[in-house]
Each structure stands twice: as structure tokens, then as C-alpha cells.
């Protein structure tokens, strides 16, 4: 069974550990099996890309490498990086900021 995460695609997150600590970006992709996320503009690594056709350029490109999901924190508009809680609103379960209680 795959683990559940409170972070979803297109969330605004801040990196809390590693070489890009303090950078903010949006979540592009989540790998639930490995527990990793790809954040836009963060953890850039150089990768050799093979030329596929005559028009296509090969060479060295910078791509975003995955980060461990424990090294990112969701960003609240008021508070900054926070932990996520849940609140039952009628028949819906919504994610809320643990500091101010605002819906994320």
C-alpha cells in the first residue's frame, strides 16, 4: 500500500534542508512509492542528454532532481512554512494551517 502525503501537486513549498535550503517553488511531481517530490527551480543537476534526431540538440542540460518529501514544507500565505492539519467542514475534509487555521 502506498503511503499518503499531505503535500499535493501545484502546492507552494519551501525547502527546509539540503543545498537549496530556503528556496521556494511549486511541486511539479510526487513519487509516492519512493517518497520524493520534484520542486520547480530547485535541486538542479546537470544531465547529459543524447541527441535523438537531426534537429534535436544533445548536450548537457540542467534538470530538476527529486527531493525527499520530508525536506519540504508547505507555505501558508500568512505564516510562511508550516505543518498541515485537517478540519471537517460539513461533509468535506479540508487542509488547514496549524498556526493560523486558514485553509490551504
N, C-alpha and C. Protein backbone atom coordinates (compact mmCIF):
# COMPACT_ATOMS: atom_id res chain seq x y z
N UNK A 1 0.83 -1.19 0.00
CA UNK A 1 0.00 0.00 0.00
C UNK A 1 0.87 1.26 0.00
N UNK A 2 0.52 2.20 -0.86
CA UNK A 2 1.30 3.44 -0.96
C UNK A 2 0.99 4.36 0.21
N UNK A 3 2.02 5.02 0.76
CA UNK A 3 1.77 5.96 1.86
C UNK A 3 1.06 7.21 1.36
N UNK A 4 0.31 7.87 2.26
CA UNK A 4 -0.38 9.11 1.92
C UNK A 4 0.46 10.28 2.38
N UNK A 5 0.45 11.35 1.58
CA UNK A 5 1.18 12.55 1.91
C UNK A 5 0.22 13.73 1.94
N UNK A 6 0.56 14.72 2.77
CA UNK A 6 -0.28 15.90 2.89
C UNK A 6 0.04 16.93 1.82
N UNK A 7 1.15 16.76 1.13
CA UNK A 7 1.55 17.67 0.06
C UNK A 7 1.02 17.15 -1.27
N UNK A 8 0.48 18.06 -2.08
CA UNK A 8 -0.07 17.69 -3.38
C UNK A 8 0.62 18.46 -4.49
N UNK A 9 0.34 18.05 -5.74
CA UNK A 9 0.91 18.74 -6.89
C UNK A 9 0.37 20.17 -6.94
N UNK A 10 1.18 21.11 -7.40
CA UNK A 10 0.88 22.54 -7.51
C UNK A 10 0.82 23.27 -6.18
N UNK A 11 1.26 22.64 -5.09
CA UNK A 11 1.37 23.34 -3.80
C UNK A 11 2.63 24.19 -3.79
N UNK A 12 2.57 25.33 -3.11
CA UNK A 12 3.74 26.19 -2.91
C UNK A 12 4.48 25.63 -1.69
N UNK A 13 5.76 25.26 -1.86
CA UNK A 13 6.54 24.68 -0.77
C UNK A 13 7.87 25.41 -0.61
N UNK A 14 8.47 25.25 0.58
CA UNK A 14 9.80 25.77 0.86
C UNK A 14 10.69 24.59 1.24
N UNK A 15 11.92 24.60 0.75
CA UNK A 15 12.87 23.53 1.04
C UNK A 15 13.50 23.81 2.40
N UNK A 16 13.47 22.82 3.30
CA UNK A 16 13.93 23.01 4.67
C UNK A 16 15.30 22.41 4.94
N UNK A 17 15.85 21.63 3.99
CA UNK A 17 17.16 21.01 4.20
C UNK A 17 17.84 20.78 2.86
N UNK A 18 19.17 20.75 2.89
CA UNK A 18 19.94 20.46 1.69
C UNK A 18 20.55 21.71 1.08
N UNK A 19 21.10 21.56 -0.12
CA UNK A 19 21.83 22.65 -0.75
C UNK A 19 20.93 23.81 -1.15
N UNK A 20 19.66 23.58 -1.36
CA UNK A 20 18.72 24.63 -1.76
C UNK A 20 17.82 25.07 -0.61
N UNK A 21 18.30 24.94 0.61
CA UNK A 21 17.51 25.31 1.80
C UNK A 21 17.05 26.77 1.70
N UNK A 22 15.77 27.00 1.94
CA UNK A 22 15.21 28.34 1.90
C UNK A 22 14.56 28.71 0.59
N UNK A 23 14.82 27.96 -0.48
CA UNK A 23 14.21 28.25 -1.78
C UNK A 23 12.75 27.83 -1.77
N UNK A 24 11.94 28.56 -2.54
CA UNK A 24 10.52 28.23 -2.66
C UNK A 24 10.19 27.91 -4.10
N UNK A 25 9.21 27.05 -4.29
CA UNK A 25 8.76 26.67 -5.63
C UNK A 25 7.48 25.86 -5.53
N UNK A 26 6.97 25.48 -6.68
CA UNK A 26 5.75 24.67 -6.70
C UNK A 26 6.11 23.21 -6.96
N UNK A 27 5.29 22.32 -6.43
CA UNK A 27 5.50 20.88 -6.60
C UNK A 27 5.06 20.51 -8.02
N UNK A 28 5.99 19.92 -8.79
CA UNK A 28 5.72 19.52 -10.16
C UNK A 28 5.22 18.08 -10.20
N UNK A 29 5.85 17.21 -9.40
CA UNK A 29 5.53 15.78 -9.45
C UNK A 29 5.80 15.16 -8.08
N UNK A 30 5.00 14.15 -7.72
CA UNK A 30 5.20 13.41 -6.47
C UNK A 30 5.36 11.93 -6.81
N UNK A 31 6.44 11.33 -6.30
CA UNK A 31 6.64 9.88 -6.44
C UNK A 31 6.26 9.25 -5.11
N UNK A 32 5.08 8.70 -5.03
CA UNK A 32 4.54 8.17 -3.77
C UNK A 32 5.28 6.90 -3.32
N UNK A 33 5.74 6.10 -4.27
CA UNK A 33 6.44 4.86 -3.91
C UNK A 33 7.77 5.14 -3.22
N UNK A 34 8.51 6.14 -3.72
CA UNK A 34 9.83 6.45 -3.17
C UNK A 34 9.79 7.56 -2.14
N UNK A 35 8.64 8.26 -2.01
CA UNK A 35 8.51 9.35 -1.04
C UNK A 35 9.32 10.57 -1.42
N UNK A 36 9.29 10.93 -2.71
CA UNK A 36 10.09 12.04 -3.20
C UNK A 36 9.22 13.01 -4.00
N UNK A 37 9.65 14.28 -4.05
CA UNK A 37 8.93 15.31 -4.82
C UNK A 37 9.92 16.05 -5.71
N UNK A 38 9.40 16.58 -6.82
CA UNK A 38 10.19 17.44 -7.70
C UNK A 38 9.61 18.85 -7.57
N UNK A 39 10.48 19.80 -7.18
CA UNK A 39 10.08 21.19 -6.99
C UNK A 39 10.65 22.02 -8.13
N UNK A 40 9.82 22.87 -8.72
CA UNK A 40 10.26 23.67 -9.87
C UNK A 40 11.36 24.65 -9.45
N UNK A 41 12.44 24.68 -10.22
CA UNK A 41 13.55 25.60 -9.98
C UNK A 41 14.46 25.26 -8.83
N UNK A 42 14.32 24.08 -8.24
CA UNK A 42 15.15 23.70 -7.10
C UNK A 42 15.83 22.36 -7.36
N UNK A 43 16.97 22.16 -6.69
CA UNK A 43 17.76 20.93 -6.79
C UNK A 43 18.13 20.63 -8.25
N UNK A 44 18.65 21.65 -8.92
CA UNK A 44 19.03 21.49 -10.32
C UNK A 44 20.34 20.72 -10.43
N UNK A 45 20.36 19.73 -11.32
CA UNK A 45 21.56 18.95 -11.58
C UNK A 45 21.82 18.94 -13.09
N UNK A 46 23.08 18.79 -13.46
CA UNK A 46 23.42 18.72 -14.88
C UNK A 46 23.30 17.28 -15.35
N UNK A 47 22.67 17.11 -16.52
CA UNK A 47 22.44 15.77 -17.05
C UNK A 47 22.82 15.76 -18.53
N UNK A 48 23.55 14.73 -18.94
CA UNK A 48 23.92 14.58 -20.35
C UNK A 48 22.73 14.03 -21.11
N UNK A 49 22.34 14.73 -22.19
CA UNK A 49 21.18 14.32 -22.97
C UNK A 49 21.65 13.92 -24.36
N UNK A 50 21.23 12.73 -24.78
CA UNK A 50 21.63 12.21 -26.08
C UNK A 50 20.79 12.86 -27.18
N UNK A 51 21.41 13.05 -28.31
CA UNK A 51 20.71 13.63 -29.46
C UNK A 51 19.78 12.59 -30.05
N UNK A 52 18.50 12.92 -30.19
CA UNK A 52 17.50 11.95 -30.66
C UNK A 52 17.29 12.01 -32.18
N UNK A 53 17.37 13.22 -32.76
CA UNK A 53 17.16 13.36 -34.20
C UNK A 53 18.12 14.42 -34.74
N UNK A 54 18.03 14.70 -36.04
CA UNK A 54 18.91 15.68 -36.66
C UNK A 54 18.67 17.09 -36.10
N UNK A 55 17.40 17.45 -35.87
CA UNK A 55 17.08 18.79 -35.39
C UNK A 55 17.27 18.92 -33.88
N UNK A 56 17.10 17.83 -33.16
CA UNK A 56 17.18 17.86 -31.71
C UNK A 56 18.62 18.09 -31.25
N UNK A 57 18.80 18.95 -30.26
CA UNK A 57 20.14 19.21 -29.73
C UNK A 57 20.40 18.31 -28.54
N UNK A 58 21.57 17.72 -28.56
CA UNK A 58 22.03 16.98 -27.40
C UNK A 58 22.86 17.88 -26.53
N UNK A 59 23.58 17.32 -25.58
CA UNK A 59 24.48 18.12 -24.75
C UNK A 59 24.15 18.00 -23.29
N UNK A 60 24.60 18.98 -22.53
CA UNK A 60 24.40 18.96 -21.09
C UNK A 60 23.27 19.93 -20.74
N UNK A 61 22.27 19.42 -20.04
CA UNK A 61 21.11 20.24 -19.67
C UNK A 61 20.94 20.21 -18.16
N UNK A 62 20.33 21.25 -17.61
CA UNK A 62 20.02 21.28 -16.18
C UNK A 62 18.58 20.82 -15.99
N UNK A 63 18.41 19.80 -15.16
CA UNK A 63 17.07 19.28 -14.86
C UNK A 63 16.86 19.28 -13.36
N UNK A 64 15.58 19.27 -12.96
CA UNK A 64 15.25 19.24 -11.54
C UNK A 64 15.28 17.81 -11.04
N UNK A 65 16.05 17.56 -10.01
CA UNK A 65 16.16 16.23 -9.42
C UNK A 65 15.17 16.13 -8.25
N UNK A 66 14.71 14.92 -7.92
CA UNK A 66 13.76 14.77 -6.82
C UNK A 66 14.39 15.00 -5.45
N UNK A 67 13.58 15.53 -4.53
CA UNK A 67 13.96 15.74 -3.13
C UNK A 67 13.12 14.81 -2.27
N UNK A 68 13.62 14.48 -1.08
CA UNK A 68 12.82 13.70 -0.15
C UNK A 68 11.66 14.57 0.34
N UNK A 69 10.49 13.97 0.50
CA UNK A 69 9.29 14.74 0.87
C UNK A 69 9.40 15.33 2.28
N UNK A 70 10.27 14.74 3.12
CA UNK A 70 10.46 15.27 4.47
C UNK A 70 11.26 16.57 4.48
N UNK A 71 11.92 16.90 3.36
CA UNK A 71 12.74 18.10 3.28
C UNK A 71 12.01 19.30 2.69
N UNK A 72 10.69 19.19 2.52
CA UNK A 72 9.90 20.33 2.05
C UNK A 72 8.75 20.59 3.02
N UNK A 73 8.38 21.87 3.14
CA UNK A 73 7.25 22.26 4.00
C UNK A 73 6.33 23.15 3.18
N UNK A 74 5.03 22.95 3.33
CA UNK A 74 4.05 23.75 2.61
C UNK A 74 4.07 25.17 3.15
N UNK A 75 3.79 26.15 2.28
CA UNK A 75 3.86 27.56 2.67
C UNK A 75 2.44 28.12 2.78
N UNK A 76 2.15 28.68 3.96
CA UNK A 76 0.89 29.38 4.20
C UNK A 76 1.08 30.83 3.75
N UNK A 77 0.03 31.45 3.23
CA UNK A 77 0.14 32.83 2.75
C UNK A 77 0.43 33.81 3.88
N UNK A 78 -0.08 33.53 5.08
CA UNK A 78 0.13 34.42 6.23
C UNK A 78 1.40 34.08 7.01
N UNK A 79 1.61 32.80 7.30
CA UNK A 79 2.62 32.37 8.28
C UNK A 79 3.97 31.98 7.69
N UNK A 80 4.02 31.54 6.45
CA UNK A 80 5.25 31.01 5.88
C UNK A 80 5.22 29.48 5.92
N UNK A 81 6.38 28.81 6.05
CA UNK A 81 6.38 27.35 6.07
C UNK A 81 5.74 26.79 7.34
N UNK A 82 4.76 25.92 7.17
CA UNK A 82 4.00 25.38 8.31
C UNK A 82 3.73 23.90 8.11
N UNK A 83 3.19 23.30 9.18
CA UNK A 83 2.69 21.94 9.09
C UNK A 83 1.21 22.00 8.74
N UNK A 84 0.68 20.89 8.26
CA UNK A 84 -0.70 20.85 7.79
C UNK A 84 -1.56 20.06 8.75
N UNK A 85 -2.75 20.58 9.03
CA UNK A 85 -3.76 19.86 9.79
C UNK A 85 -4.99 19.68 8.92
N UNK A 86 -5.98 18.99 9.44
CA UNK A 86 -7.22 18.77 8.71
C UNK A 86 -8.39 19.24 9.55
N UNK A 87 -9.42 19.72 8.86
CA UNK A 87 -10.65 20.15 9.51
C UNK A 87 -11.82 19.61 8.71
N UNK A 88 -12.83 19.11 9.39
CA UNK A 88 -14.03 18.62 8.72
C UNK A 88 -14.99 19.79 8.56
N UNK A 89 -15.31 20.13 7.31
CA UNK A 89 -16.21 21.24 7.01
C UNK A 89 -17.45 20.66 6.33
N UNK A 90 -18.48 20.40 7.13
CA UNK A 90 -19.68 19.76 6.58
C UNK A 90 -19.36 18.31 6.24
N UNK A 91 -19.38 17.99 4.95
CA UNK A 91 -19.02 16.63 4.53
C UNK A 91 -17.66 16.60 3.83
N UNK A 92 -16.94 17.75 3.82
CA UNK A 92 -15.63 17.81 3.19
C UNK A 92 -14.52 17.86 4.24
N UNK A 93 -13.38 17.27 3.89
CA UNK A 93 -12.18 17.31 4.73
C UNK A 93 -11.20 18.27 4.05
N UNK A 94 -10.88 19.39 4.73
CA UNK A 94 -10.01 20.39 4.12
C UNK A 94 -8.70 20.49 4.87
N UNK A 95 -7.63 20.87 4.15
CA UNK A 95 -6.31 21.06 4.76
C UNK A 95 -6.23 22.47 5.32
N UNK A 96 -5.71 22.60 6.54
CA UNK A 96 -5.59 23.90 7.18
C UNK A 96 -4.19 24.09 7.74
N UNK A 97 -3.81 25.36 7.92
CA UNK A 97 -2.54 25.74 8.52
C UNK A 97 -2.63 25.46 10.02
N UNK A 98 -1.58 24.86 10.59
CA UNK A 98 -1.59 24.55 12.02
C UNK A 98 -1.42 25.80 12.88
N UNK A 99 -0.80 26.87 12.34
CA UNK A 99 -0.57 28.09 13.12
C UNK A 99 -1.79 28.98 13.16
N UNK A 100 -2.34 29.32 11.98
CA UNK A 100 -3.43 30.30 11.94
C UNK A 100 -4.79 29.70 11.66
N UNK A 101 -4.85 28.44 11.19
CA UNK A 101 -6.12 27.78 10.94
C UNK A 101 -6.74 28.10 9.60
N UNK A 102 -6.01 28.84 8.74
CA UNK A 102 -6.55 29.20 7.43
C UNK A 102 -6.47 28.02 6.48
N UNK A 103 -7.47 27.88 5.60
CA UNK A 103 -7.49 26.78 4.63
C UNK A 103 -6.37 26.95 3.60
N UNK A 104 -5.74 25.84 3.25
CA UNK A 104 -4.64 25.87 2.28
C UNK A 104 -5.13 25.44 0.90
